[in-house]
Amino acid sequence: MTIKQNNMSSILPTYARLDAGFVRGSGSKVYDEDDTEYLDFGSGIAVNCLGHCHPKLVEALCDQAGKLWHTSNIYHIPGQEKLATRLCELTFADSVFFTNSGAEAVECAIKMARRYHNATGNPDRYRIITFEGSFHGRTLATIAAGGSEKLTKGFGPKVDGFDVIQFYDDMNNVENHISNQTAAIMIEPIQGEGGIRPVSAKNLQTLRNLADKHGLLLIYDEIQCGMGRTGKLFCHEHAGVIPDIMPIAKGIGGGFPLGACLATANVAKHMTAGTHGSTYGGNPLAMAMGNAVLDVIEQESILTNVQNMSDKLRIGLMKLRKEYPDVIDVVRGFGLMMGLKIKVEPREFVLAALENKLLLVVGGENTVRILPPLNINETDLNDAIALMEKTCQDILKKN
């Protein structure tokens, strides 16, 4: 056995980690080894949608862990049938494929779009239009779909098949980029990593119209903005404009690794036996968690809470913007997916908030993301706004 003689971490150095670590959590609070309390308004980047250690999720996990963890997708998995049926009843979809992550869900969406056109006699239609500022995952295909140099630099030639275009104020301009090789348009109804940039209902309808006009598929990446984050189960419901394919993840497992790709029957029917698969995807543990999350959303009026708390959060953030114009430029987003476009470096704001025992998340376009649990209460929300105010004061003193 070789013994390492230095203090270097054995973890691949791919993360610029903040100087904090946590050992337990409850609700919207997390605690470090010294039992110092932090208010978590990042939710693991919108993953812990019901906060930390929700008792019904803990019960579901422990119950399933004592029964069966994994078999294989070569057998029927009852929990998959249950969760897929529920998701289809609640959405536009007719069929669901379960994955372990958001990136895998997007990969499935990409394959579905290509397979659809191949099966319908148009194999040359494989390109997908995506948008600057988007984030679709960290695989070679999904970084090419995002397109930013930050994601793709150093990883060789980009995977072909993606046309990354401007994020237009008027999406009618997208038509100029459609060719006879275009298979689909893929967009986040609210860009998360890109700086909490919503797509208007009018623009979602424009993209739907263009897809229908040119025989394309419309893909909504609702990995970050879905699962109740905006006050509807899925963000596109605000606009009433449905997609053909929708990858989801993050909040669907309440903290347990889980993703899914939803599709209409017209698309799904071409994904025949052997065209796609996953070893772990849709395992009994993950399905127990996905069903438990939906149970809590339904039984505890979570969407109503999001709507109520989002109004209070927006009012609080707008007051901060008015009082601290030298720090906060714009308040963005809706529901409990809010962002502050700020006039200092986002990491500086996040670090200052960390000093005040508040967890926030950096976003693009000089934005700080605010992503509290969907079951946040008014006391914790008011405390977070007060901590953000103190953070603004600390930044002004420092600068």
Protein backbone atom coordinates (compact mmCIF):
# COMPACT_ATOMS: atom_id res chain seq x y z
CA MET A 1 0.00 0.00 0.00
CA THR A 2 1.26 3.48 -0.91
CA ILE A 3 0.84 6.08 1.82
CA LYS A 4 0.32 9.67 0.69
CA GLN A 5 2.84 11.96 2.40
CA ASN A 6 1.18 15.35 1.89
CA ASN A 7 -1.99 17.14 2.86
CA MET A 8 -3.44 17.42 -0.65
CA SER A 9 -7.07 16.39 -1.04
CA SER A 10 -7.79 13.12 -2.78
CA ILE A 11 -10.78 14.75 -4.51
CA LEU A 12 -10.44 15.92 -8.11
CA PRO A 13 -9.97 19.72 -7.91
CA THR A 14 -12.93 20.66 -10.12
CA TYR A 15 -14.79 22.81 -7.57
CA ALA A 16 -13.94 26.28 -6.24
CA ARG A 17 -15.44 25.36 -2.89
CA LEU A 18 -16.49 27.92 -0.31
CA ASP A 19 -14.88 27.68 3.13
CA ALA A 20 -17.78 25.89 4.80
CA GLY A 21 -18.94 22.33 5.31
CA PHE A 22 -22.06 20.91 6.86
CA VAL A 23 -22.82 17.77 8.83
CA ARG A 24 -26.57 17.96 9.38
CA GLY A 25 -29.67 19.88 8.35
CA SER A 26 -33.30 20.42 9.24
CA GLY A 27 -35.82 22.36 7.21
CA SER A 28 -34.15 25.48 5.81
CA LYS A 29 -31.20 25.27 8.25
CA VAL A 30 -27.85 23.50 8.01
CA TYR A 31 -25.17 23.11 10.68
CA ASP A 32 -21.39 22.74 10.55
CA GLU A 33 -19.16 20.63 12.80
CA ASP A 34 -19.22 23.38 15.44
CA ASP A 35 -23.03 23.34 15.33
CA THR A 36 -23.09 26.83 13.82
CA GLU A 37 -26.42 27.45 12.12
CA TYR A 38 -26.76 28.67 8.52
CA LEU A 39 -29.92 29.61 6.62
CA ASP A 40 -29.93 27.73 3.32
CA PHE A 41 -31.35 29.80 0.47
CA GLY A 42 -29.50 27.83 -2.19
CA SER A 43 -31.17 24.46 -1.51
CA GLY A 44 -28.27 22.57 -3.05
CA ILE A 45 -28.90 24.59 -6.23
CA ALA A 46 -32.66 23.98 -6.21
CA VAL A 47 -32.31 20.29 -5.36
CA ASN A 48 -33.54 20.19 -1.74
CA CYS A 49 -36.99 21.42 -2.73
CA LEU A 50 -38.53 20.45 0.62
CA GLY A 51 -35.59 21.51 2.74
CA HIS A 52 -33.35 19.17 4.69
CA CYS A 53 -34.55 15.89 6.19
CA HIS A 54 -38.26 16.38 5.63
CA PRO A 55 -39.77 13.67 7.87
CA LYS A 56 -41.92 12.17 5.11
CA LEU A 57 -38.92 11.87 2.80
CA VAL A 58 -36.82 10.33 5.56
CA GLU A 59 -39.60 7.85 6.27
CA ALA A 60 -39.96 6.93 2.59
CA LEU A 61 -36.21 6.42 2.19
CA CYS A 62 -35.84 4.29 5.32
CA ASP A 63 -38.90 2.23 4.46
CA GLN A 64 -37.70 1.45 0.93
CA ALA A 65 -34.10 0.88 2.08
CA GLY A 66 -35.36 -1.95 4.25
CA LYS A 67 -37.14 -3.58 1.31
CA LEU A 68 -35.25 -3.32 -1.99
CA TRP A 69 -32.58 -0.96 -3.39
CA HIS A 70 -31.82 -2.12 -6.91
CA THR A 71 -32.82 -4.81 -9.33
CA SER A 72 -32.43 -3.80 -12.98
CA ASN A 73 -34.46 -2.34 -15.81
CA ILE A 74 -34.57 -5.82 -17.31
CA TYR A 75 -37.39 -6.36 -14.79
CA HIS A 76 -40.55 -4.42 -14.03
CA ILE A 77 -40.15 -1.82 -11.27
CA PRO A 78 -43.55 -1.00 -9.71
CA GLY A 79 -42.39 2.38 -8.37
CA GLN A 80 -41.50 3.47 -11.91
CA GLU A 81 -44.98 2.70 -13.18
CA LYS A 82 -46.50 4.64 -10.29
CA LEU A 83 -44.30 7.74 -10.64
CA ALA A 84 -44.46 7.78 -14.45
CA THR A 85 -48.26 7.55 -14.36
CA ARG A 86 -48.46 10.41 -11.87
CA LEU A 87 -46.13 12.63 -13.90
CA CYS A 88 -48.07 11.95 -17.10
CA GLU A 89 -51.38 12.71 -15.38
CA LEU A 90 -49.96 16.03 -14.15
CA THR A 91 -48.34 17.14 -17.41
CA PHE A 92 -48.50 17.13 -21.21
CA ALA A 93 -46.52 13.88 -21.34
CA ASP A 94 -47.52 10.35 -22.28
CA SER A 95 -44.25 8.61 -21.46
CA VAL A 96 -41.31 8.96 -19.06
CA PHE A 97 -37.72 7.70 -18.98
CA PHE A 98 -36.00 7.82 -15.59
CA THR A 99 -32.38 8.87 -15.17
CA ASN A 100 -29.95 9.59 -12.33
CA SER A 101 -29.29 13.24 -13.15
CA GLY A 102 -30.30 16.27 -15.16
CA ALA A 103 -27.50 15.87 -17.67
CA GLU A 104 -28.65 12.33 -18.41
CA ALA A 105 -32.21 13.58 -18.83
CA VAL A 106 -31.02 16.15 -21.39
CA GLU A 107 -28.97 13.50 -23.20
CA CYS A 108 -32.15 11.44 -23.44
CA ALA A 109 -34.01 14.46 -24.84
CA ILE A 110 -31.31 14.96 -27.48
CA LYS A 111 -31.49 11.31 -28.50
CA MET A 112 -35.29 11.43 -28.62
CA ALA A 113 -35.22 14.42 -30.98
CA ARG A 114 -32.72 12.80 -33.32
CA ARG A 115 -34.48 9.45 -33.21
CA TYR A 116 -37.83 11.04 -34.02
CA HIS A 117 -36.57 12.62 -37.23
CA ASN A 118 -34.62 9.52 -38.22
CA ALA A 119 -37.70 7.35 -37.74
CA THR A 120 -39.94 9.76 -39.67
CA GLY A 121 -37.71 9.78 -42.74
CA ASN A 122 -35.53 12.81 -42.06
CA PRO A 123 -32.18 11.46 -40.80
CA ASP A 124 -30.36 14.66 -41.81
CA ARG A 125 -32.37 16.62 -39.23
CA TYR A 126 -30.19 16.26 -36.15
CA ARG A 127 -29.19 19.80 -35.15
CA ILE A 128 -30.69 21.49 -32.09
CA ILE A 129 -30.98 25.24 -31.59
CA THR A 130 -29.99 26.34 -28.07
CA PHE A 131 -29.35 29.72 -26.49
CA GLU A 132 -26.46 31.71 -25.10
CA GLY A 133 -26.42 31.63 -21.30
CA SER A 134 -28.06 28.22 -21.17
CA PHE A 135 -26.88 25.34 -19.03
CA HIS A 136 -27.87 21.79 -19.89
CA GLY A 137 -25.28 19.67 -18.07
CA ARG A 138 -21.61 18.63 -17.98
CA THR A 139 -21.39 15.75 -20.45
CA LEU A 140 -19.62 16.36 -23.76
CA ALA A 141 -22.94 16.74 -25.58
CA THR A 142 -24.60 18.94 -22.98
CA ILE A 143 -21.64 21.34 -22.67
CA ALA A 144 -21.80 21.71 -26.45
CA ALA A 145 -25.51 22.47 -26.08
CA GLY A 146 -24.68 25.18 -23.53
CA GLY A 147 -21.87 26.38 -25.71
CA SER A 148 -20.04 28.74 -23.35
CA GLU A 149 -16.25 28.77 -23.39
CA LYS A 150 -16.24 28.28 -19.61
CA LEU A 151 -17.83 24.87 -20.15
CA THR A 152 -16.16 23.74 -23.38
CA LYS A 153 -12.60 25.09 -23.21
CA GLY A 154 -9.95 22.38 -23.09
CA PHE A 155 -12.21 19.48 -24.02
CA GLY A 156 -11.33 19.22 -27.68
CA PRO A 157 -13.71 19.65 -30.61
CA LYS A 158 -17.27 20.36 -29.53
CA VAL A 159 -19.80 17.63 -30.12
CA ASP A 160 -21.49 18.52 -33.39
CA GLY A 161 -25.18 19.17 -33.66
CA PHE A 162 -25.86 22.32 -31.66
CA ASP A 163 -26.44 25.85 -32.93
CA VAL A 164 -26.07 28.17 -29.94
CA ILE A 165 -27.74 31.46 -30.77
CA GLN A 166 -28.52 34.77 -29.11
CA PHE A 167 -31.10 34.88 -26.31
CA TYR A 168 -33.52 37.14 -28.17
CA ASP A 169 -35.98 39.60 -26.66
CA ASP A 170 -38.12 38.70 -29.68
CA MET A 171 -37.89 34.97 -30.41
CA ASN A 172 -39.29 35.48 -33.94
CA ASN A 173 -35.63 36.01 -34.83
CA VAL A 174 -34.99 32.32 -34.15
CA GLU A 175 -36.56 31.53 -37.53
CA ASN A 176 -33.45 32.96 -39.21
CA HIS A 177 -31.40 30.12 -37.72
CA ILE A 178 -33.66 27.22 -38.74
CA SER A 179 -32.29 25.09 -41.56
CA ASN A 180 -33.24 21.81 -43.23
CA GLN A 181 -30.95 20.11 -40.68
CA THR A 182 -32.71 21.53 -37.63
CA ALA A 183 -34.41 18.91 -35.48
CA ALA A 184 -35.46 20.83 -32.38
CA ILE A 185 -35.32 23.97 -30.28
CA MET A 186 -34.22 23.54 -26.67
CA ILE A 187 -34.67 26.26 -24.05
CA GLU A 188 -34.97 26.73 -20.29
CA PRO A 189 -38.22 28.59 -19.50
CA ILE A 190 -36.08 30.39 -16.92
CA GLN A 191 -32.32 30.30 -17.35
CA GLY A 192 -30.83 29.37 -13.98
CA GLU A 193 -27.07 29.27 -14.42
CA GLY A 194 -27.47 32.03 -17.00
CA GLY A 195 -28.65 34.52 -14.40
CA ILE A 196 -32.36 33.89 -13.67
CA ARG A 197 -33.54 35.07 -17.10
CA PRO A 198 -37.21 34.18 -17.74
CA VAL A 199 -38.61 33.55 -21.21
CA SER A 200 -41.89 35.43 -21.65
CA ALA A 201 -45.15 33.60 -22.37
CA LYS A 202 -45.22 35.40 -25.72
CA ASN A 203 -41.77 34.09 -26.64
CA LEU A 204 -42.58 30.54 -25.57
CA GLN A 205 -45.63 30.69 -27.84
CA THR A 206 -43.46 32.07 -30.65
CA LEU A 207 -41.08 29.10 -30.30
CA ARG A 208 -44.02 26.69 -30.27
CA ASN A 209 -45.36 28.27 -33.44
CA LEU A 210 -41.97 28.09 -35.15
CA ALA A 211 -41.52 24.45 -34.16
CA ASP A 212 -44.94 23.56 -35.55
CA LYS A 213 -44.40 25.58 -38.72
CA HIS A 214 -41.07 23.91 -39.53
CA GLY A 215 -41.77 20.41 -38.23
CA LEU A 216 -39.42 20.72 -35.27
CA LEU A 217 -39.65 19.44 -31.72
CA LEU A 218 -39.75 21.87 -28.80
CA ILE A 219 -37.74 20.87 -25.72
CA TYR A 220 -38.10 22.62 -22.36
CA ASP A 221 -35.22 22.04 -19.95
CA GLU A 222 -37.05 22.37 -16.63
CA ILE A 223 -34.31 20.81 -14.53
CA GLN A 224 -33.89 23.90 -12.34
CA CYS A 225 -37.19 25.76 -12.84
CA GLY A 226 -39.48 22.74 -12.56
CA MET A 227 -41.00 20.75 -9.67
CA GLY A 228 -42.89 23.67 -8.14
CA ARG A 229 -40.04 26.16 -8.09
CA THR A 230 -42.15 28.90 -9.74
CA GLY A 231 -45.51 28.22 -8.10
CA LYS A 232 -46.74 25.84 -10.78
CA LEU A 233 -45.56 22.24 -10.91
CA PHE A 234 -43.68 23.17 -14.09
CA CYS A 235 -42.71 26.65 -15.20
CA HIS A 236 -44.20 26.48 -18.71
CA GLU A 237 -47.66 26.08 -17.18
CA HIS A 238 -47.67 29.84 -16.48
CA ALA A 239 -47.63 30.40 -20.25
CA GLY A 240 -49.88 27.49 -21.16
CA VAL A 241 -47.50 26.50 -23.96
CA ILE A 242 -46.48 22.86 -23.92
CA PRO A 243 -43.31 21.18 -25.25
CA ASP A 244 -42.81 17.85 -26.99
CA ILE A 245 -39.99 16.77 -24.66
CA MET A 246 -39.06 17.92 -21.16
CA PRO A 247 -36.01 16.85 -19.13
CA ILE A 248 -36.42 17.36 -15.38
CA ALA A 249 -34.29 16.61 -12.30
CA LYS A 250 -33.05 18.49 -9.20
CA GLY A 251 -36.18 18.89 -7.05
CA ILE A 252 -37.88 15.72 -8.30
CA GLY A 253 -35.95 13.60 -5.78
CA GLY A 254 -35.90 16.12 -2.93
CA GLY A 255 -32.15 15.59 -2.59
CA PHE A 256 -31.91 12.00 -3.83
CA PRO A 257 -30.24 11.65 -7.27
CA LEU A 258 -33.08 11.41 -9.77
CA GLY A 259 -33.96 12.78 -13.19
CA ALA A 260 -36.52 12.06 -15.88
CA CYS A 261 -37.26 12.83 -19.50
CA LEU A 262 -40.94 13.33 -20.35
CA ALA A 263 -42.32 13.13 -23.89
CA THR A 264 -45.48 12.98 -25.94
CA ALA A 265 -46.57 9.67 -27.44
CA ASN A 266 -45.71 10.97 -30.91
CA VAL A 267 -42.05 11.24 -29.87
CA ALA A 268 -41.81 8.42 -27.35
CA LYS A 269 -43.10 5.71 -29.69
CA HIS A 270 -39.85 5.80 -31.66
CA MET A 271 -37.69 5.01 -28.60
CA THR A 272 -38.10 1.27 -29.03
CA ALA A 273 -36.43 -1.55 -27.08
CA GLY A 274 -32.65 -1.19 -27.06
CA THR A 275 -32.51 2.45 -28.22
CA HIS A 276 -31.73 3.78 -24.73
CA GLY A 277 -31.11 2.53 -21.22
CA SER A 278 -29.68 3.08 -17.75
CA THR A 279 -28.24 0.74 -15.14
CA TYR A 280 -29.36 2.71 -12.10
CA GLY A 281 -32.05 4.94 -13.58
CA GLY A 282 -35.45 4.46 -11.97
CA ASN A 283 -34.22 2.15 -9.20
CA PRO A 284 -36.63 1.40 -6.33
CA LEU A 285 -34.94 3.81 -3.89
CA ALA A 286 -35.12 6.71 -6.35
CA MET A 287 -38.74 5.93 -7.20
CA ALA A 288 -39.72 5.89 -3.53
CA MET A 289 -38.22 9.36 -3.15
CA GLY A 290 -39.83 10.74 -6.31
CA ASN A 291 -43.25 9.52 -5.24
CA ALA A 292 -42.73 10.89 -1.72
CA VAL A 293 -41.84 14.32 -3.08
CA LEU A 294 -45.04 14.41 -5.13
CA ASP A 295 -47.00 13.24 -2.08
CA VAL A 296 -45.69 16.15 0.01
CA ILE A 297 -46.23 18.70 -2.77
CA GLU A 298 -49.86 17.59 -3.03
CA GLN A 299 -50.64 16.98 0.66
CA GLU A 300 -48.94 20.06 2.15
CA SER A 301 -50.15 22.66 -0.38
CA ILE A 302 -46.57 23.38 -1.41
CA LEU A 303 -47.48 25.25 -4.60
CA THR A 304 -49.75 27.59 -2.65
CA ASN A 305 -46.91 28.24 -0.22
CA VAL A 306 -44.56 29.05 -3.10
CA GLN A 307 -47.05 31.57 -4.46
CA ASN A 308 -47.53 33.22 -1.07
CA MET A 309 -43.87 33.30 -0.08
CA SER A 310 -42.72 34.46 -3.51
CA ASP A 311 -44.80 37.62 -3.20
CA LYS A 312 -43.20 38.38 0.17
CA LEU A 313 -39.73 37.57 -1.14
CA ARG A 314 -40.12 39.85 -4.16
CA ILE A 315 -41.37 42.73 -2.01
CA GLY A 316 -38.40 42.29 0.32
CA LEU A 317 -35.89 42.16 -2.52
CA MET A 318 -37.38 45.21 -4.23
CA LYS A 319 -37.04 47.14 -0.96
CA LEU A 320 -33.39 46.11 -0.75
CA ARG A 321 -32.82 47.26 -4.33
CA LYS A 322 -34.34 50.66 -3.50
CA GLU A 323 -32.29 51.03 -0.32
CA TYR A 324 -29.00 49.73 -1.75
CA PRO A 325 -28.83 50.84 -5.40
CA ASP A 326 -25.03 50.81 -5.32
CA VAL A 327 -25.13 47.06 -4.67
CA ILE A 328 -28.32 45.74 -6.32
CA ASP A 329 -29.12 46.60 -9.92
CA VAL A 330 -32.12 44.42 -10.89
CA VAL A 331 -34.42 41.88 -9.23
CA ARG A 332 -35.17 38.96 -11.56
CA GLY A 333 -37.29 35.82 -11.71
CA PHE A 334 -40.51 34.71 -10.07
CA GLY A 335 -41.79 32.12 -7.66
CA LEU A 336 -38.96 30.97 -5.42
CA MET A 337 -36.46 31.22 -8.26
CA MET A 338 -35.23 34.76 -7.81
CA GLY A 339 -32.02 36.53 -8.72
CA LEU A 340 -30.25 39.75 -7.84
CA LYS A 341 -28.25 41.27 -10.65
CA ILE A 342 -25.65 43.14 -8.64
CA LYS A 343 -22.96 45.77 -9.12
CA VAL A 344 -20.18 43.81 -7.42
CA GLU A 345 -18.75 40.39 -8.22
CA PRO A 346 -21.39 37.74 -7.42
CA ARG A 347 -18.86 35.62 -5.56
CA GLU A 348 -18.03 38.61 -3.34
CA PHE A 349 -21.72 38.90 -2.43
CA VAL A 350 -22.07 35.15 -1.82
CA LEU A 351 -18.95 35.13 0.39
CA ALA A 352 -20.22 38.11 2.37
CA ALA A 353 -23.56 36.38 2.81
CA LEU A 354 -21.74 33.24 3.97
CA GLU A 355 -20.03 35.31 6.66
CA ASN A 356 -23.54 36.30 7.77
CA LYS A 357 -24.55 32.62 7.84
CA LEU A 358 -26.72 32.77 4.72
CA LEU A 359 -26.21 30.42 1.76
CA LEU A 360 -26.78 31.80 -1.76
CA VAL A 361 -25.64 30.69 -5.22
CA VAL A 362 -23.66 32.48 -7.93
CA GLY A 363 -25.28 32.82 -11.37
CA GLY A 364 -24.36 34.26 -14.76
CA GLU A 365 -24.74 37.88 -15.85
CA ASN A 366 -23.45 39.13 -12.48
CA THR A 367 -26.39 37.53 -10.72
CA VAL A 368 -26.81 35.91 -7.32
CA ARG A 369 -29.44 33.16 -7.22
CA ILE A 370 -31.95 32.90 -4.36
CA LEU A 371 -33.48 29.41 -4.23
CA PRO A 372 -35.07 28.68 -0.85
CA PRO A 373 -36.95 25.46 -0.05
CA LEU A 374 -40.47 25.46 -1.45
CA ASN A 375 -41.92 24.95 2.03
CA ILE A 376 -40.05 27.96 3.46
CA ASN A 377 -41.89 29.75 6.27
CA GLU A 378 -42.31 33.48 6.68
CA THR A 379 -39.97 33.72 9.68
CA ASP A 380 -37.05 32.17 7.82
CA LEU A 381 -37.82 34.24 4.74
CA ASN A 382 -37.75 37.48 6.75
CA ASP A 383 -34.52 36.39 8.44
CA ALA A 384 -32.93 35.78 5.03
CA ILE A 385 -33.94 39.23 3.77
CA ALA A 386 -32.45 40.76 6.92
CA LEU A 387 -29.21 38.85 6.34
CA MET A 388 -29.11 40.04 2.72
CA GLU A 389 -29.53 43.60 3.97
CA LYS A 390 -26.61 43.13 6.35
CA THR A 391 -24.62 41.69 3.45
CA CYS A 392 -25.32 44.82 1.39
CA GLN A 393 -24.20 46.98 4.31
CA ASP A 394 -21.01 44.96 4.77
CA ILE A 395 -20.15 45.26 1.07
CA LEU A 396 -20.65 49.04 1.11
CA LYS A 397 -18.40 49.34 4.18
CA LYS A 398 -15.73 47.22 2.53
CA ASN A 399 -15.82 49.09 -0.78
